[in-house]
Amino acid sequence: MANRKLSKSFLSISAHSTTTSEAASFPKENVVDRTSPQRHWRSTVTSETRLVINLGAIQTDLTCYLDDVNFTSFKYQQSANGTTWFDVDPLDPIKTVENDSMHGVYRSSENITLTGGNKDFLGIFIPSQSTTDGANYFRIGTFVIPTNIV
């Protein structure tokens, strides 16, 4: 796990939609709720899934953190309308989630650049895969985009 970066402020974002059903007790709003990080978002499947984040405005350079997930690979995608998607990094689209052995959770930290104009939606695309905990759903504990990083 890389060195930690600190921030007290975060980009105001909202979870917009998912491409699969979500578990009723674990809705998409949970993933961006920093007041209770133990409340997760869950899909209802382990097949191809996308969680859509509305960035609220056009963004370019972002540092994104995924915490307490139960999958090992994903990719960030960008969209102007929330329906047509392009890989953020077409040369290296698949990101690997690392196990933080000190805390016993899987997490990811990525610096990404959104290119090509009006992109104010970010997709967290999770390809079909086995989960790290044997569950029959994907889970994301928290997703944040810190600002004013130290």
N, C-alpha and C. Protein backbone atom coordinates (compact mmCIF):
# COMPACT_ATOMS: atom_id res chain seq x y z
N MET A 1 0.84 -1.17 0.00
CA MET A 1 0.00 0.00 0.00
C MET A 1 0.89 1.24 0.00
N ALA A 2 0.56 2.18 -0.81
CA ALA A 2 1.34 3.40 -0.94
C ALA A 2 1.18 4.28 0.30
N ASN A 3 2.05 5.28 0.40
CA ASN A 3 1.93 6.24 1.50
C ASN A 3 0.58 6.91 1.47
N ARG A 4 0.08 7.24 2.61
CA ARG A 4 -1.22 7.89 2.73
C ARG A 4 -1.12 9.37 2.40
N LYS A 5 -2.18 9.90 1.83
CA LYS A 5 -2.32 11.33 1.58
C LYS A 5 -3.44 11.81 2.48
N LEU A 6 -3.34 13.03 2.98
CA LEU A 6 -4.32 13.55 3.92
C LEU A 6 -5.10 14.71 3.32
N SER A 7 -6.37 14.77 3.69
CA SER A 7 -7.22 15.87 3.26
C SER A 7 -8.39 15.97 4.22
N LYS A 8 -8.84 17.19 4.46
CA LYS A 8 -10.04 17.41 5.27
C LYS A 8 -11.23 17.82 4.43
N SER A 9 -11.00 18.03 3.13
CA SER A 9 -12.10 18.45 2.27
C SER A 9 -12.23 17.48 1.09
N PHE A 10 -13.46 17.34 0.62
CA PHE A 10 -13.76 16.36 -0.42
C PHE A 10 -14.67 16.98 -1.46
N LEU A 11 -14.52 16.53 -2.70
CA LEU A 11 -15.38 16.97 -3.77
C LEU A 11 -16.81 16.51 -3.47
N SER A 12 -17.77 17.38 -3.63
CA SER A 12 -19.16 17.02 -3.41
C SER A 12 -19.65 16.21 -4.61
N ILE A 13 -19.91 14.94 -4.38
CA ILE A 13 -20.32 14.03 -5.45
C ILE A 13 -21.59 13.30 -5.03
N SER A 14 -22.25 12.68 -6.00
CA SER A 14 -23.41 11.85 -5.68
C SER A 14 -23.35 10.60 -6.52
N ALA A 15 -23.89 9.52 -5.98
CA ALA A 15 -24.01 8.28 -6.74
C ALA A 15 -25.25 8.41 -7.60
N HIS A 16 -25.06 8.28 -8.89
CA HIS A 16 -26.11 8.58 -9.85
C HIS A 16 -26.96 7.35 -10.17
N SER A 17 -26.32 6.27 -10.56
CA SER A 17 -27.07 5.06 -10.93
C SER A 17 -26.12 3.88 -10.98
N THR A 18 -26.68 2.72 -11.18
CA THR A 18 -25.90 1.51 -11.39
C THR A 18 -26.45 0.81 -12.62
N THR A 19 -25.63 -0.05 -13.23
CA THR A 19 -26.10 -0.79 -14.40
C THR A 19 -26.73 -2.12 -14.00
N THR A 20 -26.69 -2.45 -12.73
CA THR A 20 -27.35 -3.65 -12.24
C THR A 20 -28.19 -3.27 -11.03
N SER A 21 -28.99 -4.18 -10.61
CA SER A 21 -29.79 -3.92 -9.42
C SER A 21 -28.88 -3.79 -8.21
N GLU A 22 -29.32 -2.96 -7.27
CA GLU A 22 -28.57 -2.84 -6.03
C GLU A 22 -29.41 -3.43 -4.91
N ALA A 23 -28.73 -3.92 -3.90
CA ALA A 23 -29.43 -4.47 -2.75
C ALA A 23 -30.18 -3.34 -2.04
N ALA A 24 -31.44 -3.55 -1.75
CA ALA A 24 -32.30 -2.50 -1.18
C ALA A 24 -31.74 -1.90 0.11
N SER A 25 -31.14 -2.71 0.96
CA SER A 25 -30.60 -2.22 2.23
C SER A 25 -29.23 -1.56 2.08
N PHE A 26 -28.66 -1.61 0.87
CA PHE A 26 -27.32 -1.07 0.61
C PHE A 26 -27.34 -0.25 -0.68
N PRO A 27 -28.06 0.89 -0.69
CA PRO A 27 -28.23 1.67 -1.92
C PRO A 27 -26.97 2.45 -2.32
N LYS A 28 -26.98 2.93 -3.54
CA LYS A 28 -25.82 3.65 -4.10
C LYS A 28 -25.43 4.87 -3.29
N GLU A 29 -26.35 5.51 -2.61
CA GLU A 29 -26.04 6.69 -1.80
C GLU A 29 -25.03 6.38 -0.69
N ASN A 30 -25.02 5.14 -0.22
CA ASN A 30 -24.10 4.75 0.86
C ASN A 30 -22.63 4.92 0.47
N VAL A 31 -22.32 4.72 -0.80
CA VAL A 31 -20.92 4.72 -1.23
C VAL A 31 -20.27 6.10 -1.11
N VAL A 32 -21.05 7.16 -1.13
CA VAL A 32 -20.49 8.52 -1.02
C VAL A 32 -20.80 9.16 0.33
N ASP A 33 -21.38 8.40 1.25
CA ASP A 33 -21.73 8.90 2.58
C ASP A 33 -20.54 8.71 3.52
N ARG A 34 -19.75 9.76 3.73
CA ARG A 34 -18.56 9.66 4.58
C ARG A 34 -18.91 9.70 6.06
N THR A 35 -20.15 10.00 6.42
CA THR A 35 -20.51 10.08 7.84
C THR A 35 -20.65 8.70 8.47
N SER A 36 -20.87 7.69 7.66
CA SER A 36 -21.00 6.33 8.17
C SER A 36 -20.33 5.36 7.20
N PRO A 37 -19.01 5.25 7.26
CA PRO A 37 -18.30 4.44 6.27
C PRO A 37 -18.56 2.94 6.37
N GLN A 38 -19.24 2.49 7.40
CA GLN A 38 -19.56 1.08 7.50
C GLN A 38 -20.80 0.70 6.68
N ARG A 39 -21.48 1.69 6.13
CA ARG A 39 -22.65 1.42 5.29
C ARG A 39 -22.17 1.27 3.86
N HIS A 40 -22.33 0.12 3.29
CA HIS A 40 -21.80 -0.18 1.97
C HIS A 40 -22.86 -0.03 0.89
N TRP A 41 -22.38 0.05 -0.35
CA TRP A 41 -23.22 -0.18 -1.52
C TRP A 41 -22.99 -1.62 -1.92
N ARG A 42 -24.04 -2.29 -2.35
CA ARG A 42 -23.91 -3.67 -2.84
C ARG A 42 -24.70 -3.83 -4.13
N SER A 43 -24.10 -4.57 -5.04
CA SER A 43 -24.84 -4.99 -6.23
C SER A 43 -25.62 -6.25 -5.83
N THR A 44 -26.40 -6.77 -6.74
CA THR A 44 -27.09 -8.03 -6.47
C THR A 44 -26.49 -9.17 -7.28
N VAL A 45 -25.39 -8.89 -7.99
CA VAL A 45 -24.77 -9.89 -8.87
C VAL A 45 -23.25 -9.76 -8.80
N THR A 46 -22.54 -10.75 -9.37
CA THR A 46 -21.10 -10.65 -9.56
C THR A 46 -20.75 -10.65 -11.04
N SER A 47 -21.73 -10.28 -11.85
CA SER A 47 -21.46 -10.09 -13.28
C SER A 47 -21.16 -8.61 -13.51
N GLU A 48 -20.79 -8.27 -14.71
CA GLU A 48 -20.41 -6.91 -15.08
C GLU A 48 -21.32 -5.86 -14.44
N THR A 49 -20.70 -4.90 -13.74
CA THR A 49 -21.44 -3.89 -12.98
C THR A 49 -20.76 -2.53 -13.12
N ARG A 50 -21.56 -1.48 -13.19
CA ARG A 50 -21.00 -0.13 -13.20
C ARG A 50 -21.77 0.72 -12.19
N LEU A 51 -21.03 1.38 -11.32
CA LEU A 51 -21.60 2.36 -10.40
C LEU A 51 -21.25 3.73 -10.97
N VAL A 52 -22.26 4.59 -11.16
CA VAL A 52 -22.06 5.89 -11.78
C VAL A 52 -22.00 6.97 -10.71
N ILE A 53 -20.94 7.77 -10.77
CA ILE A 53 -20.74 8.88 -9.85
C ILE A 53 -20.94 10.18 -10.61
N ASN A 54 -21.84 11.02 -10.13
CA ASN A 54 -22.05 12.34 -10.71
C ASN A 54 -21.07 13.29 -10.02
N LEU A 55 -20.13 13.83 -10.80
CA LEU A 55 -19.11 14.70 -10.24
C LEU A 55 -19.61 16.12 -9.97
N GLY A 56 -20.81 16.43 -10.45
CA GLY A 56 -21.42 17.74 -10.19
C GLY A 56 -20.98 18.83 -11.13
N ALA A 57 -19.84 18.66 -11.77
CA ALA A 57 -19.32 19.65 -12.72
C ALA A 57 -18.20 18.97 -13.50
N ILE A 58 -17.77 19.59 -14.56
CA ILE A 58 -16.68 19.05 -15.35
C ILE A 58 -15.41 19.04 -14.51
N GLN A 59 -14.74 17.91 -14.48
CA GLN A 59 -13.51 17.74 -13.70
C GLN A 59 -12.39 17.28 -14.62
N THR A 60 -11.15 17.48 -14.21
CA THR A 60 -10.03 16.99 -15.01
C THR A 60 -9.12 16.08 -14.19
N ASP A 61 -8.34 16.62 -13.27
CA ASP A 61 -7.41 15.80 -12.49
C ASP A 61 -8.02 15.47 -11.13
N LEU A 62 -8.11 14.17 -10.86
CA LEU A 62 -8.74 13.70 -9.63
C LEU A 62 -7.87 12.65 -8.94
N THR A 63 -7.95 12.60 -7.64
CA THR A 63 -7.42 11.48 -6.88
C THR A 63 -8.63 10.77 -6.30
N CYS A 64 -8.77 9.50 -6.62
CA CYS A 64 -9.97 8.74 -6.23
C CYS A 64 -9.57 7.61 -5.28
N TYR A 65 -10.36 7.44 -4.23
CA TYR A 65 -10.14 6.38 -3.26
C TYR A 65 -11.37 5.48 -3.19
N LEU A 66 -11.13 4.19 -3.35
CA LEU A 66 -12.15 3.16 -3.09
C LEU A 66 -11.72 2.44 -1.83
N ASP A 67 -12.64 2.20 -0.91
CA ASP A 67 -12.28 1.55 0.34
C ASP A 67 -13.25 0.43 0.66
N ASP A 68 -12.70 -0.62 1.24
CA ASP A 68 -13.46 -1.79 1.70
C ASP A 68 -14.31 -2.39 0.57
N VAL A 69 -13.61 -2.83 -0.47
CA VAL A 69 -14.27 -3.49 -1.60
C VAL A 69 -14.01 -4.98 -1.52
N ASN A 70 -14.79 -5.76 -2.26
CA ASN A 70 -14.59 -7.21 -2.25
C ASN A 70 -14.32 -7.76 -3.65
N PHE A 71 -13.67 -6.95 -4.49
CA PHE A 71 -13.25 -7.38 -5.82
C PHE A 71 -11.79 -6.97 -6.00
N THR A 72 -11.11 -7.56 -6.98
CA THR A 72 -9.68 -7.31 -7.14
C THR A 72 -9.33 -6.47 -8.36
N SER A 73 -10.28 -6.25 -9.26
CA SER A 73 -9.97 -5.42 -10.43
C SER A 73 -11.20 -4.62 -10.85
N PHE A 74 -10.93 -3.45 -11.44
CA PHE A 74 -11.99 -2.56 -11.91
C PHE A 74 -11.35 -1.59 -12.88
N LYS A 75 -12.16 -0.74 -13.49
CA LYS A 75 -11.61 0.35 -14.28
C LYS A 75 -12.49 1.58 -14.13
N TYR A 76 -11.83 2.74 -14.22
CA TYR A 76 -12.56 3.99 -14.21
C TYR A 76 -12.94 4.33 -15.65
N GLN A 77 -14.16 4.80 -15.81
CA GLN A 77 -14.64 5.24 -17.11
C GLN A 77 -15.19 6.65 -16.97
N GLN A 78 -15.23 7.38 -18.08
CA GLN A 78 -15.72 8.76 -18.07
C GLN A 78 -16.86 8.91 -19.08
N SER A 79 -17.75 9.86 -18.79
CA SER A 79 -18.90 10.07 -19.65
C SER A 79 -19.37 11.51 -19.54
N ALA A 80 -19.90 12.02 -20.63
CA ALA A 80 -20.51 13.36 -20.63
C ALA A 80 -21.97 13.29 -20.25
N ASN A 81 -22.61 12.13 -20.47
CA ASN A 81 -24.05 12.03 -20.27
C ASN A 81 -24.48 10.92 -19.31
N GLY A 82 -23.56 10.13 -18.81
CA GLY A 82 -23.89 9.05 -17.89
C GLY A 82 -24.38 7.79 -18.58
N THR A 83 -24.32 7.76 -19.92
CA THR A 83 -24.76 6.56 -20.64
C THR A 83 -23.72 6.04 -21.64
N THR A 84 -22.95 6.92 -22.27
CA THR A 84 -21.91 6.52 -23.20
C THR A 84 -20.57 6.62 -22.48
N TRP A 85 -19.82 5.51 -22.44
CA TRP A 85 -18.64 5.42 -21.58
C TRP A 85 -17.36 5.21 -22.36
N PHE A 86 -16.26 5.80 -21.86
CA PHE A 86 -14.93 5.65 -22.41
C PHE A 86 -13.97 5.39 -21.26
N ASP A 87 -13.01 4.48 -21.46
CA ASP A 87 -12.02 4.21 -20.41
C ASP A 87 -11.21 5.46 -20.13
N VAL A 88 -11.00 5.77 -18.86
CA VAL A 88 -10.18 6.92 -18.48
C VAL A 88 -8.75 6.72 -18.96
N ASP A 89 -8.23 5.52 -18.82
CA ASP A 89 -6.86 5.21 -19.26
C ASP A 89 -6.93 4.08 -20.27
N PRO A 90 -7.11 4.39 -21.57
CA PRO A 90 -7.28 3.34 -22.56
C PRO A 90 -6.05 2.45 -22.73
N LEU A 91 -4.85 2.92 -22.37
CA LEU A 91 -3.65 2.11 -22.50
C LEU A 91 -3.48 1.13 -21.35
N ASP A 92 -4.05 1.45 -20.21
CA ASP A 92 -3.94 0.59 -19.02
C ASP A 92 -5.26 0.69 -18.23
N PRO A 93 -6.37 0.19 -18.81
CA PRO A 93 -7.67 0.44 -18.19
C PRO A 93 -7.93 -0.31 -16.89
N ILE A 94 -7.45 -1.55 -16.75
CA ILE A 94 -7.77 -2.35 -15.58
C ILE A 94 -6.88 -1.96 -14.40
N LYS A 95 -7.51 -1.59 -13.31
CA LYS A 95 -6.81 -1.24 -12.07
C LYS A 95 -6.92 -2.41 -11.10
N THR A 96 -5.87 -2.62 -10.33
CA THR A 96 -5.86 -3.71 -9.36
C THR A 96 -6.08 -3.16 -7.97
N VAL A 97 -6.95 -3.80 -7.24
CA VAL A 97 -7.24 -3.42 -5.86
C VAL A 97 -6.28 -4.20 -4.96
N GLU A 98 -5.66 -3.49 -4.02
CA GLU A 98 -4.68 -4.12 -3.13
C GLU A 98 -5.29 -4.43 -1.77
N ASN A 99 -4.80 -5.50 -1.17
CA ASN A 99 -5.21 -5.85 0.18
C ASN A 99 -4.34 -5.09 1.16
N ASP A 100 -4.97 -4.29 2.01
CA ASP A 100 -4.27 -3.58 3.07
C ASP A 100 -4.23 -4.53 4.27
N SER A 101 -3.13 -5.26 4.39
CA SER A 101 -3.05 -6.30 5.41
C SER A 101 -3.12 -5.75 6.84
N MET A 102 -2.75 -4.49 7.03
CA MET A 102 -2.82 -3.90 8.36
C MET A 102 -4.27 -3.76 8.83
N HIS A 103 -5.17 -3.44 7.88
CA HIS A 103 -6.57 -3.24 8.24
C HIS A 103 -7.49 -4.34 7.74
N GLY A 104 -6.96 -5.26 6.93
CA GLY A 104 -7.74 -6.40 6.48
C GLY A 104 -8.81 -6.08 5.45
N VAL A 105 -8.63 -4.99 4.70
CA VAL A 105 -9.60 -4.63 3.67
C VAL A 105 -8.89 -4.38 2.35
N TYR A 106 -9.65 -4.48 1.27
CA TYR A 106 -9.13 -4.17 -0.05
C TYR A 106 -9.47 -2.72 -0.37
N ARG A 107 -8.47 -1.96 -0.89
CA ARG A 107 -8.69 -0.56 -1.22
C ARG A 107 -7.82 -0.16 -2.40
N SER A 108 -8.19 0.96 -2.99
CA SER A 108 -7.45 1.47 -4.14
C SER A 108 -7.35 2.98 -4.06
N SER A 109 -6.21 3.49 -4.50
CA SER A 109 -5.99 4.93 -4.62
C SER A 109 -5.41 5.17 -6.00
N GLU A 110 -6.08 5.99 -6.80
CA GLU A 110 -5.63 6.25 -8.17
C GLU A 110 -5.69 7.74 -8.46
N ASN A 111 -4.68 8.25 -9.13
CA ASN A 111 -4.73 9.59 -9.70
C ASN A 111 -5.17 9.43 -11.14
N ILE A 112 -6.25 10.09 -11.52
CA ILE A 112 -6.76 9.95 -12.88
C ILE A 112 -6.95 11.32 -13.52
N THR A 113 -6.91 11.33 -14.85
CA THR A 113 -7.14 12.55 -15.61
C THR A 113 -8.28 12.29 -16.59
N LEU A 114 -9.34 13.07 -16.48
CA LEU A 114 -10.46 12.97 -17.40
C LEU A 114 -10.15 13.88 -18.59
N THR A 115 -10.25 13.34 -19.79
CA THR A 115 -9.86 14.08 -20.99
C THR A 115 -11.01 14.15 -21.98
N GLY A 116 -10.86 15.01 -22.97
CA GLY A 116 -11.80 15.03 -24.08
C GLY A 116 -13.03 15.88 -23.86
N GLY A 117 -12.97 16.87 -22.98
CA GLY A 117 -14.09 17.80 -22.88
C GLY A 117 -15.03 17.57 -21.73
N ASN A 118 -16.31 17.65 -22.02
CA ASN A 118 -17.35 17.70 -20.99
C ASN A 118 -17.59 16.35 -20.31
N LYS A 119 -16.75 16.01 -19.37
CA LYS A 119 -16.91 14.75 -18.65
C LYS A 119 -17.22 15.05 -17.20
N ASP A 120 -18.48 14.90 -16.82
CA ASP A 120 -18.83 15.13 -15.42
C ASP A 120 -19.44 13.90 -14.77
N PHE A 121 -19.30 12.74 -15.41
CA PHE A 121 -19.70 11.47 -14.81
C PHE A 121 -18.51 10.54 -14.80
N LEU A 122 -18.33 9.86 -13.68
CA LEU A 122 -17.26 8.88 -13.53
C LEU A 122 -17.91 7.53 -13.27
N GLY A 123 -17.51 6.54 -14.03
CA GLY A 123 -18.02 5.19 -13.84
C GLY A 123 -16.99 4.32 -13.16
N ILE A 124 -17.42 3.56 -12.18
CA ILE A 124 -16.58 2.54 -11.57
C ILE A 124 -17.08 1.23 -12.15
N PHE A 125 -16.37 0.72 -13.16
CA PHE A 125 -16.79 -0.47 -13.88
C PHE A 125 -16.10 -1.69 -13.28
N ILE A 126 -16.89 -2.64 -12.81
CA ILE A 126 -16.38 -3.87 -12.21
C ILE A 126 -16.70 -5.02 -13.14
N PRO A 127 -15.68 -5.62 -13.78
CA PRO A 127 -15.95 -6.75 -14.66
C PRO A 127 -16.35 -7.99 -13.86
N SER A 128 -16.96 -8.96 -14.54
CA SER A 128 -17.32 -10.22 -13.89
C SER A 128 -16.07 -10.85 -13.28
N GLN A 129 -16.18 -11.27 -12.04
CA GLN A 129 -15.05 -11.89 -11.33
C GLN A 129 -15.54 -12.50 -10.04
N SER A 130 -14.73 -13.36 -9.45
CA SER A 130 -15.03 -13.89 -8.12
C SER A 130 -14.72 -12.82 -7.09
N THR A 131 -15.47 -12.81 -6.02
CA THR A 131 -15.24 -11.83 -4.96
C THR A 131 -14.17 -12.34 -3.99
N THR A 132 -13.55 -11.42 -3.27
CA THR A 132 -12.49 -11.78 -2.33
C THR A 132 -13.03 -12.47 -1.08
N ASP A 133 -14.32 -12.29 -0.81
CA ASP A 133 -14.91 -12.87 0.40
C ASP A 133 -15.93 -13.97 0.10
N GLY A 134 -16.04 -14.38 -1.17
CA GLY A 134 -16.96 -15.45 -1.54
C GLY A 134 -18.41 -15.01 -1.64
N ALA A 135 -18.70 -13.72 -1.48
CA ALA A 135 -20.08 -13.23 -1.55
C ALA A 135 -20.60 -13.31 -2.99
N ASN A 136 -21.92 -13.28 -3.14
CA ASN A 136 -22.52 -13.32 -4.47
C ASN A 136 -22.94 -11.93 -4.93
N TYR A 137 -22.22 -10.92 -4.47
CA TYR A 137 -22.46 -9.53 -4.85
C TYR A 137 -21.12 -8.78 -4.76
N PHE A 138 -21.06 -7.62 -5.44
CA PHE A 138 -19.91 -6.72 -5.28
C PHE A 138 -20.26 -5.71 -4.20
N ARG A 139 -19.22 -5.21 -3.51
CA ARG A 139 -19.41 -4.27 -2.42
C ARG A 139 -18.37 -3.15 -2.53
N ILE A 140 -18.81 -1.92 -2.26
CA ILE A 140 -17.90 -0.79 -2.10
C ILE A 140 -18.29 -0.10 -0.80
N GLY A 141 -17.32 0.03 0.10
CA GLY A 141 -17.58 0.67 1.38
C GLY A 141 -17.68 2.18 1.25
N THR A 142 -16.67 2.79 0.66
CA THR A 142 -16.64 4.25 0.52
C THR A 142 -15.90 4.62 -0.76
N PHE A 143 -16.38 5.65 -1.43
CA PHE A 143 -15.68 6.25 -2.56
C PHE A 143 -15.58 7.74 -2.29
N VAL A 144 -14.37 8.28 -2.29
CA VAL A 144 -14.19 9.73 -2.06
C VAL A 144 -13.18 10.30 -3.05
N ILE A 145 -13.33 11.60 -3.29
CA ILE A 145 -12.37 12.37 -4.09
C ILE A 145 -11.93 13.54 -3.22
N PRO A 146 -10.78 13.39 -2.55
CA PRO A 146 -10.31 14.48 -1.68
C PRO A 146 -9.82 15.67 -2.51
N THR A 147 -9.92 16.85 -1.91
CA THR A 147 -9.37 18.07 -2.51
C THR A 147 -8.36 18.66 -1.53
N ASN A 148 -7.53 19.54 -1.97
CA ASN A 148 -6.49 20.13 -1.14
C ASN A 148 -5.67 19.08 -0.40
N ILE A 149 -5.15 18.14 -1.16
CA ILE A 149 -4.41 17.01 -0.59
C ILE A 149 -3.05 17.47 -0.07
N VAL A 150 -2.70 16.97 1.12
CA VAL A 150 -1.39 17.25 1.72
C VAL A 150 -0.47 16.07 1.42
